[in-house]
Amino acid sequence: MADDWKAHISSKVTICHGRVCIKDTRVMISVILDCLAEGMSEEDILKEYPSLKKGDVNIAIQYAASLARGETIPLRAES
């Protein structure tokens, strides 16, 4: 699986206390995963968080899958 999704996530100290977010948004990956766990569709999530784009939900899933495989995902928290 390609790792190009990694370019679409970020962690900045000044945004959401350094939690991993979809790049250029304040939407944390954990929020997207929580929405999916509650049964929301991608369309519902995009309506709820208009700063997200089509494909961002899949990026969150890919991030979570990598963590579940025990992969280390190096992210340097930017200031």
PDB file of N, CA and C in Angstrom:
ATOM      1  N   MET A   1       0.849  -1.191   0.000  1.00  0.00           N
ATOM      2  CA  MET A   1       0.000   0.000   0.000  1.00  0.00           C
ATOM      3  C   MET A   1       0.885   1.243   0.000  1.00  0.00           C
ATOM      4  N   ALA A   2       0.537   2.166  -0.819  1.00  0.00           N
ATOM      5  CA  ALA A   2       1.308   3.404  -0.912  1.00  0.00           C
ATOM      6  C   ALA A   2       1.162   4.218   0.370  1.00  0.00           C
ATOM      7  N   ASP A   3       2.199   4.942   0.674  1.00  0.00           N
ATOM      8  CA  ASP A   3       2.198   5.778   1.875  1.00  0.00           C
ATOM      9  C   ASP A   3       1.902   7.237   1.568  1.00  0.00           C
ATOM     10  N   ASP A   4       1.321   7.523   0.394  1.00  0.00           N
ATOM     11  CA  ASP A   4       1.067   8.913   0.025  1.00  0.00           C
ATOM     12  C   ASP A   4       0.064   9.593   0.948  1.00  0.00           C
ATOM     13  N   TRP A   5      -0.735   8.823   1.672  1.00  0.00           N
ATOM     14  CA  TRP A   5      -1.688   9.395   2.616  1.00  0.00           C
ATOM     15  C   TRP A   5      -0.972  10.148   3.732  1.00  0.00           C
ATOM     16  N   LYS A   6       0.272   9.768   4.024  1.00  0.00           N
ATOM     17  CA  LYS A   6       1.015  10.416   5.107  1.00  0.00           C
ATOM     18  C   LYS A   6       1.228  11.902   4.846  1.00  0.00           C
ATOM     19  N   ALA A   7       1.242  12.291   3.586  1.00  0.00           N
ATOM     20  CA  ALA A   7       1.408  13.703   3.246  1.00  0.00           C
ATOM     21  C   ALA A   7       0.165  14.517   3.577  1.00  0.00           C
ATOM     22  N   HIS A   8      -0.934  13.847   3.910  1.00  0.00           N
ATOM     23  CA  HIS A   8      -2.204  14.534   4.154  1.00  0.00           C
ATOM     24  C   HIS A   8      -2.562  14.619   5.630  1.00  0.00           C
ATOM     25  N   ILE A   9      -1.610  14.261   6.499  1.00  0.00           N
ATOM     26  CA  ILE A   9      -1.837  14.390   7.935  1.00  0.00           C
ATOM     27  C   ILE A   9      -0.753  15.279   8.519  1.00  0.00           C
ATOM     28  N   SER A  10      -1.066  15.905   9.634  1.00  0.00           N
ATOM     29  CA  SER A  10      -0.083  16.771  10.276  1.00  0.00           C
ATOM     30  C   SER A  10      -0.310  16.808  11.776  1.00  0.00           C
ATOM     31  N   SER A  11       0.723  17.238  12.449  1.00  0.00           N
ATOM     32  CA  SER A  11       0.661  17.423  13.890  1.00  0.00           C
ATOM     33  C   SER A  11       1.399  18.704  14.207  1.00  0.00           C
ATOM     34  N   LYS A  12       0.653  19.695  14.656  1.00  0.00           N
ATOM     35  CA  LYS A  12       1.245  20.992  15.007  1.00  0.00           C
ATOM     36  C   LYS A  12       0.868  21.328  16.440  1.00  0.00           C
ATOM     37  N   VAL A  13       1.840  21.743  17.197  1.00  0.00           N
ATOM     38  CA  VAL A  13       1.619  22.073  18.596  1.00  0.00           C
ATOM     39  C   VAL A  13       0.529  23.128  18.752  1.00  0.00           C
ATOM     40  N   THR A  14       0.447  24.041  17.825  1.00  0.00           N
ATOM     41  CA  THR A  14      -0.508  25.145  17.919  1.00  0.00           C
ATOM     42  C   THR A  14      -1.912  24.771  17.441  1.00  0.00           C
ATOM     43  N   ILE A  15      -2.065  23.575  16.919  1.00  0.00           N
ATOM     44  CA  ILE A  15      -3.379  23.122  16.445  1.00  0.00           C
ATOM     45  C   ILE A  15      -3.758  21.845  17.188  1.00  0.00           C
ATOM     46  N   CYS A  16      -4.842  21.907  17.920  1.00  0.00           N
ATOM     47  CA  CYS A  16      -5.372  20.751  18.661  1.00  0.00           C
ATOM     48  C   CYS A  16      -4.316  20.121  19.563  1.00  0.00           C
ATOM     49  N   HIS A  17      -3.475  20.947  20.155  1.00  0.00           N
ATOM     50  CA  HIS A  17      -2.452  20.505  21.117  1.00  0.00           C
ATOM     51  C   HIS A  17      -1.535  19.430  20.556  1.00  0.00           C
ATOM     52  N   GLY A  18      -1.278  19.479  19.264  1.00  0.00           N
ATOM     53  CA  GLY A  18      -0.356  18.538  18.643  1.00  0.00           C
ATOM     54  C   GLY A  18      -0.959  17.210  18.237  1.00  0.00           C
ATOM     55  N   ARG A  19      -2.262  17.062  18.407  1.00  0.00           N
ATOM     56  CA  ARG A  19      -2.925  15.819  17.974  1.00  0.00           C
ATOM     57  C   ARG A  19      -2.890  15.730  16.456  1.00  0.00           C
ATOM     58  N   VAL A  20      -2.883  14.504  15.956  1.00  0.00           N
ATOM     59  CA  VAL A  20      -2.808  14.295  14.515  1.00  0.00           C
ATOM     60  C   VAL A  20      -4.137  14.697  13.866  1.00  0.00           C
ATOM     61  N   CYS A  21      -4.028  15.564  12.861  1.00  0.00           N
ATOM     62  CA  CYS A  21      -5.190  16.103  12.140  1.00  0.00           C
ATOM     63  C   CYS A  21      -5.020  15.891  10.644  1.00  0.00           C
ATOM     64  N   ILE A  22      -6.118  16.032   9.939  1.00  0.00           N
ATOM     65  CA  ILE A  22      -6.033  16.130   8.494  1.00  0.00           C
ATOM     66  C   ILE A  22      -5.340  17.459   8.199  1.00  0.00           C
ATOM     67  N   LYS A  23      -4.346  17.431   7.350  1.00  0.00           N
ATOM     68  CA  LYS A  23      -3.535  18.609   7.053  1.00  0.00           C
ATOM     69  C   LYS A  23      -4.411  19.783   6.616  1.00  0.00           C
ATOM     70  N   ASP A  24      -4.061  20.941   7.090  1.00  0.00           N
ATOM     71  CA  ASP A  24      -4.740  22.215   6.783  1.00  0.00           C
ATOM     72  C   ASP A  24      -6.157  22.285   7.336  1.00  0.00           C
ATOM     73  N   THR A  25      -6.454  21.456   8.338  1.00  0.00           N
ATOM     74  CA  THR A  25      -7.739  21.536   9.038  1.00  0.00           C
ATOM     75  C   THR A  25      -7.472  21.450  10.539  1.00  0.00           C
ATOM     76  N   ARG A  26      -8.517  21.599  11.296  1.00  0.00           N
ATOM     77  CA  ARG A  26      -8.450  21.372  12.738  1.00  0.00           C
ATOM     78  C   ARG A  26      -9.268  20.136  13.102  1.00  0.00           C
ATOM     79  N   VAL A  27      -9.420  19.252  12.149  1.00  0.00           N
ATOM     80  CA  VAL A  27     -10.203  18.029  12.375  1.00  0.00           C
ATOM     81  C   VAL A  27      -9.240  16.897  12.694  1.00  0.00           C
ATOM     82  N   MET A  28      -9.316  16.423  13.934  1.00  0.00           N
ATOM     83  CA  MET A  28      -8.427  15.353  14.378  1.00  0.00           C
ATOM     84  C   MET A  28      -8.836  14.017  13.759  1.00  0.00           C
ATOM     85  N   ILE A  29      -7.837  13.196  13.502  1.00  0.00           N
ATOM     86  CA  ILE A  29      -8.083  11.852  12.982  1.00  0.00           C
ATOM     87  C   ILE A  29      -9.024  11.103  13.931  1.00  0.00           C
ATOM     88  N   SER A  30      -8.815  11.263  15.229  1.00  0.00           N
ATOM     89  CA  SER A  30      -9.647  10.556  16.206  1.00  0.00           C
ATOM     90  C   SER A  30     -11.116  10.954  16.096  1.00  0.00           C
ATOM     91  N   VAL A  31     -11.389  12.198  15.751  1.00  0.00           N
ATOM     92  CA  VAL A  31     -12.773  12.649  15.589  1.00  0.00           C
ATOM     93  C   VAL A  31     -13.421  11.933  14.406  1.00  0.00           C
ATOM     94  N   ILE A  32     -12.684  11.825  13.304  1.00  0.00           N
ATOM     95  CA  ILE A  32     -13.216  11.130  12.127  1.00  0.00           C
ATOM     96  C   ILE A  32     -13.492   9.663  12.463  1.00  0.00           C
ATOM     97  N   LEU A  33     -12.553   9.019  13.157  1.00  0.00           N
ATOM     98  CA  LEU A  33     -12.736   7.607  13.521  1.00  0.00           C
ATOM     99  C   LEU A  33     -13.903   7.433  14.487  1.00  0.00           C
ATOM    100  N   ASP A  34     -14.066   8.370  15.415  1.00  0.00           N
ATOM    101  CA  ASP A  34     -15.219   8.317  16.328  1.00  0.00           C
ATOM    102  C   ASP A  34     -16.525   8.425  15.550  1.00  0.00           C
ATOM    103  N   CYS A  35     -16.557   9.305  14.558  1.00  0.00           N
ATOM    104  CA  CYS A  35     -17.766   9.452  13.731  1.00  0.00           C
ATOM    105  C   CYS A  35     -18.083   8.152  12.996  1.00  0.00           C
ATOM    106  N   LEU A  36     -17.062   7.534  12.437  1.00  0.00           N
ATOM    107  CA  LEU A  36     -17.269   6.259  11.743  1.00  0.00           C
ATOM    108  C   LEU A  36     -17.763   5.185  12.711  1.00  0.00           C
ATOM    109  N   ALA A  37     -17.186   5.161  13.902  1.00  0.00           N
ATOM    110  CA  ALA A  37     -17.598   4.176  14.913  1.00  0.00           C
ATOM    111  C   ALA A  37     -19.050   4.367  15.330  1.00  0.00           C
ATOM    112  N   GLU A  38     -19.530   5.611  15.249  1.00  0.00           N
ATOM    113  CA  GLU A  38     -20.927   5.911  15.586  1.00  0.00           C
ATOM    114  C   GLU A  38     -21.876   5.606  14.427  1.00  0.00           C
ATOM    115  N   GLY A  39     -21.310   5.207  13.289  1.00  0.00           N
ATOM    116  CA  GLY A  39     -22.146   4.833  12.155  1.00  0.00           C
ATOM    117  C   GLY A  39     -22.356   5.923  11.120  1.00  0.00           C
ATOM    118  N   MET A  40     -21.651   7.031  11.249  1.00  0.00           N
ATOM    119  CA  MET A  40     -21.801   8.099  10.268  1.00  0.00           C
ATOM    120  C   MET A  40     -21.163   7.681   8.947  1.00  0.00           C
ATOM    121  N   SER A  41     -21.769   8.085   7.855  1.00  0.00           N
ATOM    122  CA  SER A  41     -21.203   7.820   6.532  1.00  0.00           C
ATOM    123  C   SER A  41     -20.168   8.897   6.211  1.00  0.00           C
ATOM    124  N   GLU A  42     -19.382   8.649   5.168  1.00  0.00           N
ATOM    125  CA  GLU A  42     -18.418   9.658   4.736  1.00  0.00           C
ATOM    126  C   GLU A  42     -19.143  10.956   4.385  1.00  0.00           C
ATOM    127  N   GLU A  43     -20.274  10.841   3.718  1.00  0.00           N
ATOM    128  CA  GLU A  43     -21.036  12.029   3.339  1.00  0.00           C
ATOM    129  C   GLU A  43     -21.482  12.815   4.563  1.00  0.00           C
ATOM    130  N   ASP A  44     -21.949  12.096   5.596  1.00  0.00           N
ATOM    131  CA  ASP A  44     -22.365  12.760   6.831  1.00  0.00           C
ATOM    132  C   ASP A  44     -21.194  13.495   7.485  1.00  0.00           C
ATOM    133  N   ILE A  45     -20.040  12.850   7.501  1.00  0.00           N
ATOM    134  CA  ILE A  45     -18.855  13.452   8.117  1.00  0.00           C
ATOM    135  C   ILE A  45     -18.440  14.694   7.344  1.00  0.00           C
ATOM    136  N   LEU A  46     -18.472  14.626   6.027  1.00  0.00           N
ATOM    137  CA  LEU A  46     -18.100  15.787   5.211  1.00  0.00           C
ATOM    138  C   LEU A  46     -19.065  16.948   5.421  1.00  0.00           C
ATOM    139  N   LYS A  47     -20.325  16.644   5.644  1.00  0.00           N
ATOM    140  CA  LYS A  47     -21.300  17.715   5.929  1.00  0.00           C
ATOM    141  C   LYS A  47     -21.050  18.325   7.305  1.00  0.00           C
ATOM    142  N   GLU A  48     -20.731  17.483   8.272  1.00  0.00           N
ATOM    143  CA  GLU A  48     -20.497  17.934   9.644  1.00  0.00           C
ATOM    144  C   GLU A  48     -19.209  18.758   9.764  1.00  0.00           C
ATOM    145  N   TYR A  49     -18.208  18.410   8.964  1.00  0.00           N
ATOM    146  CA  TYR A  49     -16.906  19.076   9.001  1.00  0.00           C
ATOM    147  C   TYR A  49     -16.560  19.567   7.594  1.00  0.00           C
ATOM    148  N   PRO A  50     -17.071  20.722   7.209  1.00  0.00           N
ATOM    149  CA  PRO A  50     -16.913  21.210   5.831  1.00  0.00           C
ATOM    150  C   PRO A  50     -15.469  21.498   5.415  1.00  0.00           C
ATOM    151  N   SER A  51     -14.551  21.559   6.354  1.00  0.00           N
ATOM    152  CA  SER A  51     -13.149  21.773   5.977  1.00  0.00           C
ATOM    153  C   SER A  51     -12.511  20.500   5.417  1.00  0.00           C
ATOM    154  N   LEU A  52     -13.191  19.359   5.615  1.00  0.00           N
ATOM    155  CA  LEU A  52     -12.691  18.098   5.064  1.00  0.00           C
ATOM    156  C   LEU A  52     -13.066  17.979   3.593  1.00  0.00           C
ATOM    157  N   LYS A  53     -12.242  17.222   2.864  1.00  0.00           N
ATOM    158  CA  LYS A  53     -12.503  16.966   1.445  1.00  0.00           C
ATOM    159  C   LYS A  53     -12.746  15.485   1.241  1.00  0.00           C
ATOM    160  N   LYS A  54     -13.347  15.151   0.113  1.00  0.00           N
ATOM    161  CA  LYS A  54     -13.552  13.757  -0.231  1.00  0.00           C
ATOM    162  C   LYS A  54     -12.191  13.059  -0.200  1.00  0.00           C
ATOM    163  N   GLY A  55     -12.115  11.927   0.438  1.00  0.00           N
ATOM    164  CA  GLY A  55     -10.867  11.184   0.566  1.00  0.00           C
ATOM    165  C   GLY A  55     -10.224  11.331   1.933  1.00  0.00           C
ATOM    166  N   ASP A  56     -10.571  12.393   2.672  1.00  0.00           N
ATOM    167  CA  ASP A  56      -9.976  12.596   3.989  1.00  0.00           C
ATOM    168  C   ASP A  56     -10.389  11.515   4.981  1.00  0.00           C
ATOM    169  N   VAL A  57     -11.603  11.011   4.867  1.00  0.00           N
ATOM    170  CA  VAL A  57     -12.049   9.933   5.747  1.00  0.00           C
ATOM    171  C   VAL A  57     -11.194   8.689   5.502  1.00  0.00           C
ATOM    172  N   ASN A  58     -10.910   8.408   4.252  1.00  0.00           N
ATOM    173  CA  ASN A  58     -10.069   7.263   3.920  1.00  0.00           C
ATOM    174  C   ASN A  58      -8.650   7.440   4.461  1.00  0.00           C
ATOM    175  N   ILE A  59      -8.152   8.655   4.460  1.00  0.00           N
ATOM    176  CA  ILE A  59      -6.832   8.930   5.028  1.00  0.00           C
ATOM    177  C   ILE A  59      -6.822   8.585   6.517  1.00  0.00           C
ATOM    178  N   ALA A  60      -7.885   8.938   7.225  1.00  0.00           N
ATOM    179  CA  ALA A  60      -7.986   8.617   8.647  1.00  0.00           C
ATOM    180  C   ALA A  60      -7.993   7.102   8.864  1.00  0.00           C
ATOM    181  N   ILE A  61      -8.698   6.393   8.003  1.00  0.00           N
ATOM    182  CA  ILE A  61      -8.753   4.929   8.116  1.00  0.00           C
ATOM    183  C   ILE A  61      -7.375   4.327   7.844  1.00  0.00           C
ATOM    184  N   GLN A  62      -6.680   4.834   6.847  1.00  0.00           N
ATOM    185  CA  GLN A  62      -5.339   4.328   6.544  1.00  0.00           C
ATOM    186  C   GLN A  62      -4.379   4.585   7.703  1.00  0.00           C
ATOM    187  N   TYR A  63      -4.489   5.745   8.313  1.00  0.00           N
ATOM    188  CA  TYR A  63      -3.661   6.065   9.482  1.00  0.00           C
ATOM    189  C   TYR A  63      -3.944   5.068  10.613  1.00  0.00           C
ATOM    190  N   ALA A  64      -5.211   4.832  10.893  1.00  0.00           N
ATOM    191  CA  ALA A  64      -5.588   3.906  11.962  1.00  0.00           C
ATOM    192  C   ALA A  64      -5.135   2.483  11.643  1.00  0.00           C
ATOM    193  N   ALA A  65      -5.246   2.074  10.394  1.00  0.00           N
ATOM    194  CA  ALA A  65      -4.819   0.735  10.002  1.00  0.00           C
ATOM    195  C   ALA A  65      -3.315   0.563  10.214  1.00  0.00           C
ATOM    196  N   SER A  66      -2.551   1.585   9.892  1.00  0.00           N
ATOM    197  CA  SER A  66      -1.105   1.518  10.110  1.00  0.00           C
ATOM    198  C   SER A  66      -0.776   1.372  11.585  1.00  0.00           C
ATOM    199  N   LEU A  67      -1.474   2.120  12.418  1.00  0.00           N
ATOM    200  CA  LEU A  67      -1.262   1.999  13.861  1.00  0.00           C
ATOM    201  C   LEU A  67      -1.658   0.612  14.362  1.00  0.00           C
ATOM    202  N   ALA A  68      -2.745   0.068  13.843  1.00  0.00           N
ATOM    203  CA  ALA A  68      -3.214  -1.255  14.259  1.00  0.00           C
ATOM    204  C   ALA A  68      -2.218  -2.349  13.864  1.00  0.00           C
ATOM    205  N   ARG A  69      -1.485  -2.142  12.784  1.00  0.00           N
ATOM    206  CA  ARG A  69      -0.454  -3.095  12.374  1.00  0.00           C
ATOM    207  C   ARG A  69       0.812  -2.936  13.213  1.00  0.00           C
ATOM    208  N   GLY A  70       0.823  -1.967  14.098  1.00  0.00           N
ATOM    209  CA  GLY A  70       1.977  -1.736  14.950  1.00  0.00           C
ATOM    210  C   GLY A  70       3.070  -0.931  14.296  1.00  0.00           C
ATOM    211  N   GLU A  71       2.747  -0.292  13.183  1.00  0.00           N
ATOM    212  CA  GLU A  71       3.736   0.523  12.500  1.00  0.00           C
ATOM    213  C   GLU A  71       3.988   1.815  13.268  1.00  0.00           C
ATOM    214  N   THR A  72       5.198   2.254  13.211  1.00  0.00           N
ATOM    215  CA  THR A  72       5.549   3.549  13.787  1.00  0.00           C
ATOM    216  C   THR A  72       5.405   4.593  12.679  1.00  0.00           C
ATOM    217  N   ILE A  73       4.646   5.619  12.974  1.00  0.00           N
ATOM    218  CA  ILE A  73       4.428   6.673  11.999  1.00  0.00           C
ATOM    219  C   ILE A  73       5.102   7.930  12.526  1.00  0.00           C
ATOM    220  N   PRO A  74       6.294   8.202  12.022  1.00  0.00           N
ATOM    221  CA  PRO A  74       7.010   9.365  12.540  1.00  0.00           C
ATOM    222  C   PRO A  74       6.366  10.669  12.103  1.00  0.00           C
ATOM    223  N   LEU A  75       5.905  11.409  13.069  1.00  0.00           N
ATOM    224  CA  LEU A  75       5.367  12.750  12.825  1.00  0.00           C
ATOM    225  C   LEU A  75       6.075  13.680  13.785  1.00  0.00           C
ATOM    226  N   ARG A  76       6.664  14.696  13.248  1.00  0.00           N
ATOM    227  CA  ARG A  76       7.303  15.689  14.094  1.00  0.00           C
ATOM    228  C   ARG A  76       6.297  16.788  14.354  1.00  0.00           C
ATOM    229  N   ALA A  77       5.973  16.991  15.594  1.00  0.00           N
ATOM    230  CA  ALA A  77       5.034  18.062  15.922  1.00  0.00           C
ATOM    231  C   ALA A  77       5.657  19.390  15.564  1.00  0.00           C
ATOM    232  N   GLU A  78       5.000  20.103  14.683  1.00  0.00           N
ATOM    233  CA  GLU A  78       5.488  21.406  14.251  1.00  0.00           C
ATOM    234  C   GLU A  78       4.970  22.479  15.181  1.00  0.00           C
ATOM    235  N   SER A  79       5.730  23.523  15.322  1.00  0.00           N
ATOM    236  CA  SER A  79       5.262  24.614  16.192  1.00  0.00           C
ATOM    237  C   SER A  79       4.670  25.729  15.384  1.00  0.00           C
TER     238      SER A  79
END
